[in-house]
Amino acid sequence: MAIRFPRIVSVKKVPKGYFAVYVGEYQKRFVIPVSFLNQPSFQDLLGLSEEEFGYNHPTGGLRISCNEDIFLEVTSCLS
């Protein structure tokens, strides 16, 4: 059974109001709404990633240092 995450987009071009993040060991790319930046649970993920990776990313997107399952669980609860 597939679970659909309508607010997480996987596209090559990032639409206005969204940004790219790279998640997990294999750096899977997700395009998510900018509004997630205001959410405390997403800010926690960013804080952990800053500690591990800093802000200099050659891929052009933010790297999130959790596995994909945790990322999907956190972002599926955001509105």
N, C-alpha and C. Protein backbone atom coordinates (compact mmCIF):
# COMPACT_ATOMS: atom_id res chain seq x y z
N MET A 1 0.84 -1.18 0.00
CA MET A 1 0.00 0.00 0.00
C MET A 1 0.88 1.24 0.00
N ALA A 2 0.66 2.15 -0.91
CA ALA A 2 1.45 3.37 -1.01
C ALA A 2 0.80 4.48 -0.19
N ILE A 3 1.64 5.29 0.39
CA ILE A 3 1.17 6.47 1.12
C ILE A 3 1.53 7.67 0.27
N ARG A 4 0.56 8.54 0.06
CA ARG A 4 0.79 9.71 -0.79
C ARG A 4 1.09 10.91 0.08
N PHE A 5 2.14 11.63 -0.24
CA PHE A 5 2.51 12.84 0.46
C PHE A 5 2.36 14.02 -0.50
N PRO A 6 1.17 14.62 -0.57
CA PRO A 6 0.92 15.64 -1.58
C PRO A 6 1.76 16.90 -1.41
N ARG A 7 2.29 17.16 -0.21
CA ARG A 7 3.04 18.39 0.00
C ARG A 7 4.53 18.19 -0.25
N ILE A 8 4.94 16.97 -0.50
CA ILE A 8 6.34 16.71 -0.83
C ILE A 8 6.39 16.35 -2.30
N VAL A 9 7.14 17.13 -3.05
CA VAL A 9 7.17 17.00 -4.50
C VAL A 9 8.54 16.51 -4.93
N SER A 10 8.59 15.69 -5.95
CA SER A 10 9.86 15.26 -6.51
C SER A 10 9.91 15.71 -7.96
N VAL A 11 10.48 16.88 -8.19
CA VAL A 11 10.57 17.44 -9.53
C VAL A 11 11.98 17.97 -9.76
N LYS A 12 12.36 18.11 -11.02
CA LYS A 12 13.69 18.62 -11.33
C LYS A 12 13.78 20.11 -11.06
N LYS A 13 12.79 20.86 -11.49
CA LYS A 13 12.78 22.30 -11.28
C LYS A 13 12.00 22.59 -10.00
N VAL A 14 12.54 23.45 -9.16
CA VAL A 14 11.89 23.77 -7.89
C VAL A 14 10.87 24.88 -8.13
N PRO A 15 9.57 24.60 -7.87
CA PRO A 15 8.55 25.63 -8.07
C PRO A 15 8.67 26.75 -7.04
N LYS A 16 8.12 27.89 -7.37
CA LYS A 16 8.11 29.02 -6.45
C LYS A 16 7.40 28.60 -5.16
N GLY A 17 7.99 28.96 -4.02
CA GLY A 17 7.41 28.63 -2.73
C GLY A 17 7.88 27.29 -2.18
N TYR A 18 8.82 26.65 -2.85
CA TYR A 18 9.36 25.36 -2.44
C TYR A 18 10.89 25.44 -2.43
N PHE A 19 11.53 24.45 -1.79
CA PHE A 19 12.98 24.35 -1.84
C PHE A 19 13.38 22.88 -1.77
N ALA A 20 14.60 22.60 -2.22
CA ALA A 20 15.08 21.22 -2.28
C ALA A 20 15.86 20.88 -1.02
N VAL A 21 15.66 19.66 -0.54
CA VAL A 21 16.46 19.09 0.54
C VAL A 21 16.92 17.72 0.11
N TYR A 22 18.05 17.30 0.65
CA TYR A 22 18.62 16.00 0.35
C TYR A 22 18.66 15.21 1.64
N VAL A 23 18.02 14.05 1.63
CA VAL A 23 17.75 13.32 2.87
C VAL A 23 18.35 11.92 2.82
N GLY A 24 18.89 11.52 3.97
CA GLY A 24 19.33 10.15 4.15
C GLY A 24 20.70 9.83 3.61
N GLU A 25 21.07 8.59 3.76
CA GLU A 25 22.38 8.10 3.37
C GLU A 25 22.65 8.29 1.88
N TYR A 26 21.63 8.12 1.05
CA TYR A 26 21.79 8.22 -0.40
C TYR A 26 21.40 9.58 -0.94
N GLN A 27 21.14 10.53 -0.04
CA GLN A 27 20.82 11.91 -0.41
C GLN A 27 19.67 12.00 -1.42
N LYS A 28 18.55 11.34 -1.08
CA LYS A 28 17.37 11.42 -1.93
C LYS A 28 16.83 12.85 -1.89
N ARG A 29 16.50 13.37 -3.04
CA ARG A 29 16.06 14.76 -3.17
C ARG A 29 14.55 14.86 -3.00
N PHE A 30 14.14 15.81 -2.15
CA PHE A 30 12.73 16.14 -1.97
C PHE A 30 12.58 17.64 -2.15
N VAL A 31 11.46 18.04 -2.74
CA VAL A 31 11.12 19.45 -2.87
C VAL A 31 9.93 19.68 -1.96
N ILE A 32 10.14 20.58 -0.98
CA ILE A 32 9.12 20.78 0.05
C ILE A 32 8.75 22.25 0.15
N PRO A 33 7.57 22.54 0.72
CA PRO A 33 7.12 23.94 0.83
C PRO A 33 8.00 24.75 1.79
N VAL A 34 8.22 26.00 1.45
CA VAL A 34 8.96 26.92 2.30
C VAL A 34 8.27 27.06 3.66
N SER A 35 6.97 26.87 3.71
CA SER A 35 6.23 27.01 4.97
C SER A 35 6.71 26.02 6.03
N PHE A 36 7.36 24.93 5.63
CA PHE A 36 7.90 23.97 6.60
C PHE A 36 8.95 24.62 7.49
N LEU A 37 9.61 25.67 7.00
CA LEU A 37 10.66 26.33 7.78
C LEU A 37 10.13 26.93 9.08
N ASN A 38 8.84 27.22 9.14
CA ASN A 38 8.24 27.78 10.36
C ASN A 38 7.85 26.73 11.38
N GLN A 39 7.92 25.47 11.03
CA GLN A 39 7.46 24.40 11.90
C GLN A 39 8.58 23.96 12.86
N PRO A 40 8.30 23.92 14.18
CA PRO A 40 9.33 23.54 15.15
C PRO A 40 9.96 22.17 14.89
N SER A 41 9.18 21.19 14.48
CA SER A 41 9.75 19.86 14.25
C SER A 41 10.70 19.87 13.06
N PHE A 42 10.40 20.66 12.04
CA PHE A 42 11.30 20.77 10.90
C PHE A 42 12.55 21.57 11.28
N GLN A 43 12.39 22.58 12.11
CA GLN A 43 13.53 23.35 12.59
C GLN A 43 14.49 22.47 13.40
N ASP A 44 13.93 21.50 14.13
CA ASP A 44 14.79 20.55 14.86
C ASP A 44 15.64 19.73 13.89
N LEU A 45 15.03 19.27 12.79
CA LEU A 45 15.79 18.52 11.78
C LEU A 45 16.91 19.38 11.19
N LEU A 46 16.59 20.65 10.93
CA LEU A 46 17.60 21.55 10.37
C LEU A 46 18.74 21.80 11.36
N GLY A 47 18.40 21.91 12.65
CA GLY A 47 19.43 22.11 13.67
C GLY A 47 20.40 20.94 13.74
N LEU A 48 19.87 19.73 13.67
CA LEU A 48 20.72 18.55 13.67
C LEU A 48 21.62 18.52 12.43
N SER A 49 21.05 18.91 11.31
CA SER A 49 21.82 18.91 10.06
C SER A 49 22.90 19.98 10.07
N GLU A 50 22.60 21.12 10.67
CA GLU A 50 23.61 22.18 10.75
C GLU A 50 24.80 21.71 11.57
N GLU A 51 24.53 21.02 12.67
CA GLU A 51 25.62 20.51 13.51
C GLU A 51 26.50 19.53 12.74
N GLU A 52 25.88 18.71 11.91
CA GLU A 52 26.63 17.68 11.19
C GLU A 52 27.29 18.19 9.91
N PHE A 53 26.57 19.00 9.13
CA PHE A 53 27.03 19.39 7.80
C PHE A 53 27.40 20.85 7.65
N GLY A 54 26.90 21.73 8.51
CA GLY A 54 27.08 23.17 8.30
C GLY A 54 26.15 23.65 7.20
N TYR A 55 26.47 24.79 6.62
CA TYR A 55 25.59 25.36 5.60
C TYR A 55 26.20 25.40 4.20
N ASN A 56 27.38 24.87 4.01
CA ASN A 56 28.02 24.88 2.71
C ASN A 56 27.72 23.57 1.99
N HIS A 57 26.84 23.61 1.00
CA HIS A 57 26.40 22.41 0.31
C HIS A 57 26.66 22.51 -1.18
N PRO A 58 27.53 21.68 -1.73
CA PRO A 58 27.82 21.74 -3.16
C PRO A 58 26.64 21.33 -4.03
N THR A 59 25.65 20.63 -3.48
CA THR A 59 24.50 20.20 -4.27
C THR A 59 23.50 21.33 -4.49
N GLY A 60 23.62 22.42 -3.75
CA GLY A 60 22.71 23.54 -3.90
C GLY A 60 21.46 23.44 -3.05
N GLY A 61 21.30 22.36 -2.32
CA GLY A 61 20.14 22.20 -1.44
C GLY A 61 20.61 21.84 -0.05
N LEU A 62 19.72 21.89 0.89
CA LEU A 62 20.05 21.53 2.26
C LEU A 62 20.11 20.02 2.42
N ARG A 63 21.06 19.56 3.22
CA ARG A 63 21.15 18.13 3.55
C ARG A 63 20.53 17.92 4.92
N ILE A 64 19.63 16.95 5.01
CA ILE A 64 18.97 16.59 6.27
C ILE A 64 19.58 15.28 6.73
N SER A 65 20.07 15.27 7.96
CA SER A 65 20.87 14.13 8.43
C SER A 65 20.07 13.02 9.11
N CYS A 66 18.84 12.82 8.70
CA CYS A 66 18.08 11.70 9.25
C CYS A 66 17.75 10.73 8.11
N ASN A 67 17.25 9.55 8.45
CA ASN A 67 16.89 8.64 7.37
C ASN A 67 15.57 9.08 6.74
N GLU A 68 15.30 8.56 5.57
CA GLU A 68 14.12 8.98 4.81
C GLU A 68 12.81 8.71 5.55
N ASP A 69 12.73 7.59 6.27
CA ASP A 69 11.50 7.25 6.98
C ASP A 69 11.16 8.29 8.04
N ILE A 70 12.17 8.74 8.79
CA ILE A 70 11.93 9.76 9.82
C ILE A 70 11.54 11.07 9.16
N PHE A 71 12.22 11.44 8.09
CA PHE A 71 11.90 12.67 7.37
C PHE A 71 10.45 12.64 6.89
N LEU A 72 10.05 11.55 6.28
CA LEU A 72 8.67 11.43 5.77
C LEU A 72 7.65 11.46 6.91
N GLU A 73 7.99 10.85 8.03
CA GLU A 73 7.09 10.86 9.18
C GLU A 73 6.91 12.28 9.71
N VAL A 74 8.01 13.01 9.86
CA VAL A 74 7.94 14.39 10.36
C VAL A 74 7.19 15.28 9.39
N THR A 75 7.54 15.24 8.12
CA THR A 75 6.91 16.14 7.15
C THR A 75 5.46 15.79 6.86
N SER A 76 5.07 14.54 7.03
CA SER A 76 3.67 14.19 6.78
C SER A 76 2.74 14.79 7.83
N CYS A 77 3.29 15.15 8.98
CA CYS A 77 2.49 15.75 10.06
C CYS A 77 2.40 17.27 9.95
N LEU A 78 3.17 17.88 9.07
CA LEU A 78 3.20 19.33 8.94
C LEU A 78 2.10 19.82 8.02
N SER A 79 1.63 21.00 8.33
CA SER A 79 0.58 21.59 7.48
C SER A 79 0.95 22.96 7.02
